[in-house]
Amino acid sequence: MAICPNCGKQITFLKNYVYNSIAEYNFDGQDYEFVDCLSVGHEEYCCPECGYKITEDEQQAKKFLSG
């Protein structure tokens, strides 16, 4: 289990904030169906307890969570 370097709490996941993304939907004339969400910009992986930014890189986020 990972420990946040800012608040010291044990965490099992990080919040991923994507500041530029493209959401793709299918529209049949009445309803929308979600297809995909593409990250095309800046991302942050943050502590879910205090919001502290751990990293901006997915591989570093995985490494942090695995200990």
PDB file of N, CA and C in Angstrom:
ATOM      1  N   MET A   1       0.836  -1.177   0.000  1.00  0.00           N
ATOM      2  CA  MET A   1       0.000   0.000   0.000  1.00  0.00           C
ATOM      3  C   MET A   1       0.883   1.242   0.000  1.00  0.00           C
ATOM      4  N   ALA A   2       0.507   2.221  -0.793  1.00  0.00           N
ATOM      5  CA  ALA A   2       1.280   3.455  -0.908  1.00  0.00           C
ATOM      6  C   ALA A   2       0.906   4.431   0.208  1.00  0.00           C
ATOM      7  N   ILE A   3       1.838   5.298   0.538  1.00  0.00           N
ATOM      8  CA  ILE A   3       1.611   6.331   1.542  1.00  0.00           C
ATOM      9  C   ILE A   3       1.862   7.693   0.898  1.00  0.00           C
ATOM     10  N   CYS A   4       0.908   8.591   1.028  1.00  0.00           N
ATOM     11  CA  CYS A   4       1.044   9.931   0.460  1.00  0.00           C
ATOM     12  C   CYS A   4       2.177  10.668   1.167  1.00  0.00           C
ATOM     13  N   PRO A   5       3.121  11.247   0.413  1.00  0.00           N
ATOM     14  CA  PRO A   5       4.225  11.979   1.028  1.00  0.00           C
ATOM     15  C   PRO A   5       3.793  13.314   1.656  1.00  0.00           C
ATOM     16  N   ASN A   6       2.587  13.764   1.335  1.00  0.00           N
ATOM     17  CA  ASN A   6       2.112  15.037   1.877  1.00  0.00           C
ATOM     18  C   ASN A   6       1.310  14.843   3.172  1.00  0.00           C
ATOM     19  N   CYS A   7       0.289  13.979   3.134  1.00  0.00           N
ATOM     20  CA  CYS A   7      -0.583  13.829   4.308  1.00  0.00           C
ATOM     21  C   CYS A   7      -0.270  12.588   5.137  1.00  0.00           C
ATOM     22  N   GLY A   8       0.528  11.665   4.583  1.00  0.00           N
ATOM     23  CA  GLY A   8       0.922  10.470   5.315  1.00  0.00           C
ATOM     24  C   GLY A   8      -0.118   9.369   5.381  1.00  0.00           C
ATOM     25  N   LYS A   9      -1.251   9.541   4.699  1.00  0.00           N
ATOM     26  CA  LYS A   9      -2.299   8.519   4.728  1.00  0.00           C
ATOM     27  C   LYS A   9      -1.984   7.397   3.741  1.00  0.00           C
ATOM     28  N   GLN A  10      -2.428   6.186   4.093  1.00  0.00           N
ATOM     29  CA  GLN A  10      -2.277   5.045   3.202  1.00  0.00           C
ATOM     30  C   GLN A  10      -3.345   5.138   2.116  1.00  0.00           C
ATOM     31  N   ILE A  11      -2.929   4.941   0.862  1.00  0.00           N
ATOM     32  CA  ILE A  11      -3.860   5.042  -0.260  1.00  0.00           C
ATOM     33  C   ILE A  11      -3.688   3.843  -1.177  1.00  0.00           C
ATOM     34  N   THR A  12      -4.781   3.429  -1.811  1.00  0.00           N
ATOM     35  CA  THR A  12      -4.762   2.291  -2.722  1.00  0.00           C
ATOM     36  C   THR A  12      -4.995   2.702  -4.167  1.00  0.00           C
ATOM     37  N   PHE A  13      -5.292   3.989  -4.379  1.00  0.00           N
ATOM     38  CA  PHE A  13      -5.515   4.493  -5.735  1.00  0.00           C
ATOM     39  C   PHE A  13      -5.176   5.979  -5.769  1.00  0.00           C
ATOM     40  N   LEU A  14      -5.013   6.500  -6.968  1.00  0.00           N
ATOM     41  CA  LEU A  14      -4.786   7.930  -7.173  1.00  0.00           C
ATOM     42  C   LEU A  14      -5.926   8.488  -8.014  1.00  0.00           C
ATOM     43  N   LYS A  15      -6.272   9.735  -7.800  1.00  0.00           N
ATOM     44  CA  LYS A  15      -7.229  10.403  -8.674  1.00  0.00           C
ATOM     45  C   LYS A  15      -6.465  10.893  -9.893  1.00  0.00           C
ATOM     46  N   ASN A  16      -7.034  10.658 -11.066  1.00  0.00           N
ATOM     47  CA  ASN A  16      -6.421  11.072 -12.329  1.00  0.00           C
ATOM     48  C   ASN A  16      -7.235  12.219 -12.909  1.00  0.00           C
ATOM     49  N   TYR A  17      -6.615  13.397 -12.977  1.00  0.00           N
ATOM     50  CA  TYR A  17      -7.260  14.568 -13.562  1.00  0.00           C
ATOM     51  C   TYR A  17      -6.686  14.799 -14.952  1.00  0.00           C
ATOM     52  N   VAL A  18      -7.569  14.864 -15.948  1.00  0.00           N
ATOM     53  CA  VAL A  18      -7.178  15.126 -17.327  1.00  0.00           C
ATOM     54  C   VAL A  18      -7.712  16.504 -17.691  1.00  0.00           C
ATOM     55  N   TYR A  19      -6.798  17.415 -18.027  1.00  0.00           N
ATOM     56  CA  TYR A  19      -7.205  18.799 -18.262  1.00  0.00           C
ATOM     57  C   TYR A  19      -7.605  19.095 -19.700  1.00  0.00           C
ATOM     58  N   ASN A  20      -7.303  18.227 -20.612  1.00  0.00           N
ATOM     59  CA  ASN A  20      -7.779  18.321 -21.989  1.00  0.00           C
ATOM     60  C   ASN A  20      -8.114  16.917 -22.452  1.00  0.00           C
ATOM     61  N   SER A  21      -9.360  16.694 -22.790  1.00  0.00           N
ATOM     62  CA  SER A  21      -9.765  15.377 -23.250  1.00  0.00           C
ATOM     63  C   SER A  21     -10.843  15.514 -24.317  1.00  0.00           C
ATOM     64  N   ILE A  22     -11.015  14.447 -25.058  1.00  0.00           N
ATOM     65  CA  ILE A  22     -12.046  14.390 -26.087  1.00  0.00           C
ATOM     66  C   ILE A  22     -12.951  13.214 -25.751  1.00  0.00           C
ATOM     67  N   ALA A  23     -14.226  13.493 -25.573  1.00  0.00           N
ATOM     68  CA  ALA A  23     -15.204  12.441 -25.323  1.00  0.00           C
ATOM     69  C   ALA A  23     -15.922  12.135 -26.626  1.00  0.00           C
ATOM     70  N   GLU A  24     -16.017  10.846 -26.946  1.00  0.00           N
ATOM     71  CA  GLU A  24     -16.670  10.422 -28.186  1.00  0.00           C
ATOM     72  C   GLU A  24     -17.982   9.723 -27.834  1.00  0.00           C
ATOM     73  N   TYR A  25     -19.063  10.144 -28.500  1.00  0.00           N
ATOM     74  CA  TYR A  25     -20.391   9.564 -28.299  1.00  0.00           C
ATOM     75  C   TYR A  25     -20.997   9.207 -29.646  1.00  0.00           C
ATOM     76  N   ASN A  26     -21.865   8.204 -29.662  1.00  0.00           N
ATOM     77  CA  ASN A  26     -22.711   7.918 -30.810  1.00  0.00           C
ATOM     78  C   ASN A  26     -24.079   8.519 -30.513  1.00  0.00           C
ATOM     79  N   PHE A  27     -24.664   9.203 -31.495  1.00  0.00           N
ATOM     80  CA  PHE A  27     -25.988   9.803 -31.339  1.00  0.00           C
ATOM     81  C   PHE A  27     -26.908   9.246 -32.404  1.00  0.00           C
ATOM     82  N   ASP A  28     -28.029   8.633 -31.996  1.00  0.00           N
ATOM     83  CA  ASP A  28     -28.942   7.988 -32.938  1.00  0.00           C
ATOM     84  C   ASP A  28     -30.183   8.835 -33.246  1.00  0.00           C
ATOM     85  N   GLY A  29     -30.150  10.091 -32.890  1.00  0.00           N
ATOM     86  CA  GLY A  29     -31.291  10.960 -33.116  1.00  0.00           C
ATOM     87  C   GLY A  29     -32.088  11.220 -31.847  1.00  0.00           C
ATOM     88  N   GLN A  30     -31.925  10.338 -30.852  1.00  0.00           N
ATOM     89  CA  GLN A  30     -32.634  10.510 -29.581  1.00  0.00           C
ATOM     90  C   GLN A  30     -31.706  10.390 -28.378  1.00  0.00           C
ATOM     91  N   ASP A  31     -30.826   9.410 -28.412  1.00  0.00           N
ATOM     92  CA  ASP A  31     -29.976   9.126 -27.261  1.00  0.00           C
ATOM     93  C   ASP A  31     -28.501   9.153 -27.634  1.00  0.00           C
ATOM     94  N   TYR A  32     -27.691   9.400 -26.603  1.00  0.00           N
ATOM     95  CA  TYR A  32     -26.243   9.372 -26.749  1.00  0.00           C
ATOM     96  C   TYR A  32     -25.700   8.107 -26.095  1.00  0.00           C
ATOM     97  N   GLU A  33     -24.736   7.489 -26.750  1.00  0.00           N
ATOM     98  CA  GLU A  33     -24.056   6.322 -26.192  1.00  0.00           C
ATOM     99  C   GLU A  33     -22.567   6.644 -26.102  1.00  0.00           C
ATOM    100  N   PHE A  34     -22.015   6.557 -24.895  1.00  0.00           N
ATOM    101  CA  PHE A  34     -20.596   6.831 -24.695  1.00  0.00           C
ATOM    102  C   PHE A  34     -19.759   5.785 -25.420  1.00  0.00           C
ATOM    103  N   VAL A  35     -18.728   6.226 -26.147  1.00  0.00           N
ATOM    104  CA  VAL A  35     -17.838   5.331 -26.878  1.00  0.00           C
ATOM    105  C   VAL A  35     -16.453   5.315 -26.239  1.00  0.00           C
ATOM    106  N   ASP A  36     -15.843   6.486 -26.074  1.00  0.00           N
ATOM    107  CA  ASP A  36     -14.464   6.529 -25.591  1.00  0.00           C
ATOM    108  C   ASP A  36     -14.130   7.929 -25.088  1.00  0.00           C
ATOM    109  N   CYS A  37     -13.093   7.995 -24.277  1.00  0.00           N
ATOM    110  CA  CYS A  37     -12.563   9.267 -23.815  1.00  0.00           C
ATOM    111  C   CYS A  37     -11.057   9.251 -24.041  1.00  0.00           C
ATOM    112  N   LEU A  38     -10.569  10.203 -24.800  1.00  0.00           N
ATOM    113  CA  LEU A  38      -9.157  10.250 -25.148  1.00  0.00           C
ATOM    114  C   LEU A  38      -8.470  11.389 -24.409  1.00  0.00           C
ATOM    115  N   SER A  39      -7.364  11.081 -23.785  1.00  0.00           N
ATOM    116  CA  SER A  39      -6.569  12.100 -23.108  1.00  0.00           C
ATOM    117  C   SER A  39      -5.645  12.738 -24.134  1.00  0.00           C
ATOM    118  N   VAL A  40      -5.762  14.049 -24.309  1.00  0.00           N
ATOM    119  CA  VAL A  40      -4.939  14.729 -25.306  1.00  0.00           C
ATOM    120  C   VAL A  40      -4.131  15.865 -24.703  1.00  0.00           C
ATOM    121  N   GLY A  41      -4.104  15.938 -23.383  1.00  0.00           N
ATOM    122  CA  GLY A  41      -3.397  17.056 -22.768  1.00  0.00           C
ATOM    123  C   GLY A  41      -2.766  16.695 -21.444  1.00  0.00           C
ATOM    124  N   HIS A  42      -2.675  17.679 -20.613  1.00  0.00           N
ATOM    125  CA  HIS A  42      -2.024  17.602 -19.317  1.00  0.00           C
ATOM    126  C   HIS A  42      -2.806  16.706 -18.348  1.00  0.00           C
ATOM    127  N   GLU A  43      -2.103  15.813 -17.642  1.00  0.00           N
ATOM    128  CA  GLU A  43      -2.706  14.945 -16.645  1.00  0.00           C
ATOM    129  C   GLU A  43      -1.970  15.069 -15.324  1.00  0.00           C
ATOM    130  N   GLU A  44      -2.706  14.837 -14.232  1.00  0.00           N
ATOM    131  CA  GLU A  44      -2.109  14.783 -12.908  1.00  0.00           C
ATOM    132  C   GLU A  44      -2.668  13.580 -12.165  1.00  0.00           C
ATOM    133  N   TYR A  45      -1.810  12.912 -11.408  1.00  0.00           N
ATOM    134  CA  TYR A  45      -2.208  11.800 -10.547  1.00  0.00           C
ATOM    135  C   TYR A  45      -2.034  12.280  -9.118  1.00  0.00           C
ATOM    136  N   CYS A  46      -3.162  12.345  -8.377  1.00  0.00           N
ATOM    137  CA  CYS A  46      -3.170  12.997  -7.066  1.00  0.00           C
ATOM    138  C   CYS A  46      -3.685  12.077  -5.964  1.00  0.00           C
ATOM    139  N   CYS A  47      -3.272  12.392  -4.751  1.00  0.00           N
ATOM    140  CA  CYS A  47      -3.745  11.692  -3.570  1.00  0.00           C
ATOM    141  C   CYS A  47      -5.254  11.899  -3.429  1.00  0.00           C
ATOM    142  N   PRO A  48      -6.029  10.827  -3.226  1.00  0.00           N
ATOM    143  CA  PRO A  48      -7.475  10.979  -3.076  1.00  0.00           C
ATOM    144  C   PRO A  48      -7.878  11.579  -1.726  1.00  0.00           C
ATOM    145  N   GLU A  49      -6.947  11.622  -0.783  1.00  0.00           N
ATOM    146  CA  GLU A  49      -7.250  12.156   0.551  1.00  0.00           C
ATOM    147  C   GLU A  49      -7.009  13.658   0.653  1.00  0.00           C
ATOM    148  N   CYS A  50      -5.848  14.125   0.171  1.00  0.00           N
ATOM    149  CA  CYS A  50      -5.495  15.542   0.346  1.00  0.00           C
ATOM    150  C   CYS A  50      -5.350  16.309  -0.971  1.00  0.00           C
ATOM    151  N   GLY A  51      -5.350  15.605  -2.109  1.00  0.00           N
ATOM    152  CA  GLY A  51      -5.248  16.264  -3.408  1.00  0.00           C
ATOM    153  C   GLY A  51      -3.830  16.561  -3.868  1.00  0.00           C
ATOM    154  N   TYR A  52      -2.830  16.165  -3.076  1.00  0.00           N
ATOM    155  CA  TYR A  52      -1.431  16.422  -3.423  1.00  0.00           C
ATOM    156  C   TYR A  52      -1.067  15.740  -4.741  1.00  0.00           C
ATOM    157  N   LYS A  53      -0.415  16.482  -5.637  1.00  0.00           N
ATOM    158  CA  LYS A  53       0.001  15.920  -6.926  1.00  0.00           C
ATOM    159  C   LYS A  53       1.203  15.007  -6.718  1.00  0.00           C
ATOM    160  N   ILE A  54       1.026  13.723  -7.025  1.00  0.00           N
ATOM    161  CA  ILE A  54       2.089  12.735  -6.905  1.00  0.00           C
ATOM    162  C   ILE A  54       2.972  12.757  -8.148  1.00  0.00           C
ATOM    163  N   THR A  55       2.353  12.760  -9.334  1.00  0.00           N
ATOM    164  CA  THR A  55       3.091  12.730 -10.593  1.00  0.00           C
ATOM    165  C   THR A  55       2.190  13.167 -11.736  1.00  0.00           C
ATOM    166  N   GLU A  56       2.797  13.382 -12.903  1.00  0.00           N
ATOM    167  CA  GLU A  56       2.055  13.669 -14.136  1.00  0.00           C
ATOM    168  C   GLU A  56       2.216  12.521 -15.136  1.00  0.00           C
ATOM    169  N   ASP A  57       2.865  11.442 -14.720  1.00  0.00           N
ATOM    170  CA  ASP A  57       3.203  10.334 -15.610  1.00  0.00           C
ATOM    171  C   ASP A  57       2.523   9.044 -15.146  1.00  0.00           C
ATOM    172  N   GLU A  58       1.829   8.356 -16.053  1.00  0.00           N
ATOM    173  CA  GLU A  58       1.111   7.130 -15.708  1.00  0.00           C
ATOM    174  C   GLU A  58       2.036   6.039 -15.190  1.00  0.00           C
ATOM    175  N   GLN A  59       3.188   5.870 -15.809  1.00  0.00           N
ATOM    176  CA  GLN A  59       4.126   4.830 -15.370  1.00  0.00           C
ATOM    177  C   GLN A  59       4.644   5.124 -13.960  1.00  0.00           C
ATOM    178  N   GLN A  60       4.905   6.392 -13.658  1.00  0.00           N
ATOM    179  CA  GLN A  60       5.333   6.767 -12.317  1.00  0.00           C
ATOM    180  C   GLN A  60       4.206   6.549 -11.302  1.00  0.00           C
ATOM    181  N   ALA A  61       2.968   6.773 -11.710  1.00  0.00           N
ATOM    182  CA  ALA A  61       1.825   6.539 -10.839  1.00  0.00           C
ATOM    183  C   ALA A  61       1.717   5.047 -10.499  1.00  0.00           C
ATOM    184  N   LYS A  62       1.897   4.197 -11.499  1.00  0.00           N
ATOM    185  CA  LYS A  62       1.864   2.746 -11.266  1.00  0.00           C
ATOM    186  C   LYS A  62       2.980   2.321 -10.322  1.00  0.00           C
ATOM    187  N   LYS A  63       4.169   2.873 -10.536  1.00  0.00           N
ATOM    188  CA  LYS A  63       5.315   2.556  -9.689  1.00  0.00           C
ATOM    189  C   LYS A  63       5.061   3.003  -8.244  1.00  0.00           C
ATOM    190  N   PHE A  64       4.502   4.200  -8.075  1.00  0.00           N
ATOM    191  CA  PHE A  64       4.196   4.723  -6.746  1.00  0.00           C
ATOM    192  C   PHE A  64       3.211   3.807  -6.020  1.00  0.00           C
ATOM    193  N   LEU A  65       2.147   3.397  -6.710  1.00  0.00           N
ATOM    194  CA  LEU A  65       1.123   2.572  -6.078  1.00  0.00           C
ATOM    195  C   LEU A  65       1.604   1.163  -5.745  1.00  0.00           C
ATOM    196  N   SER A  66       2.552   0.668  -6.524  1.00  0.00           N
ATOM    197  CA  SER A  66       3.046  -0.692  -6.273  1.00  0.00           C
ATOM    198  C   SER A  66       4.087  -0.738  -5.155  1.00  0.00           C
ATOM    199  N   GLY A  67       4.474   0.420  -4.673  1.00  0.00           N
ATOM    200  CA  GLY A  67       5.399   0.457  -3.540  1.00  0.00           C
ATOM    201  C   GLY A  67       6.767   0.657  -4.000  1.00  0.00           C
TER     202      GLY A  67
END
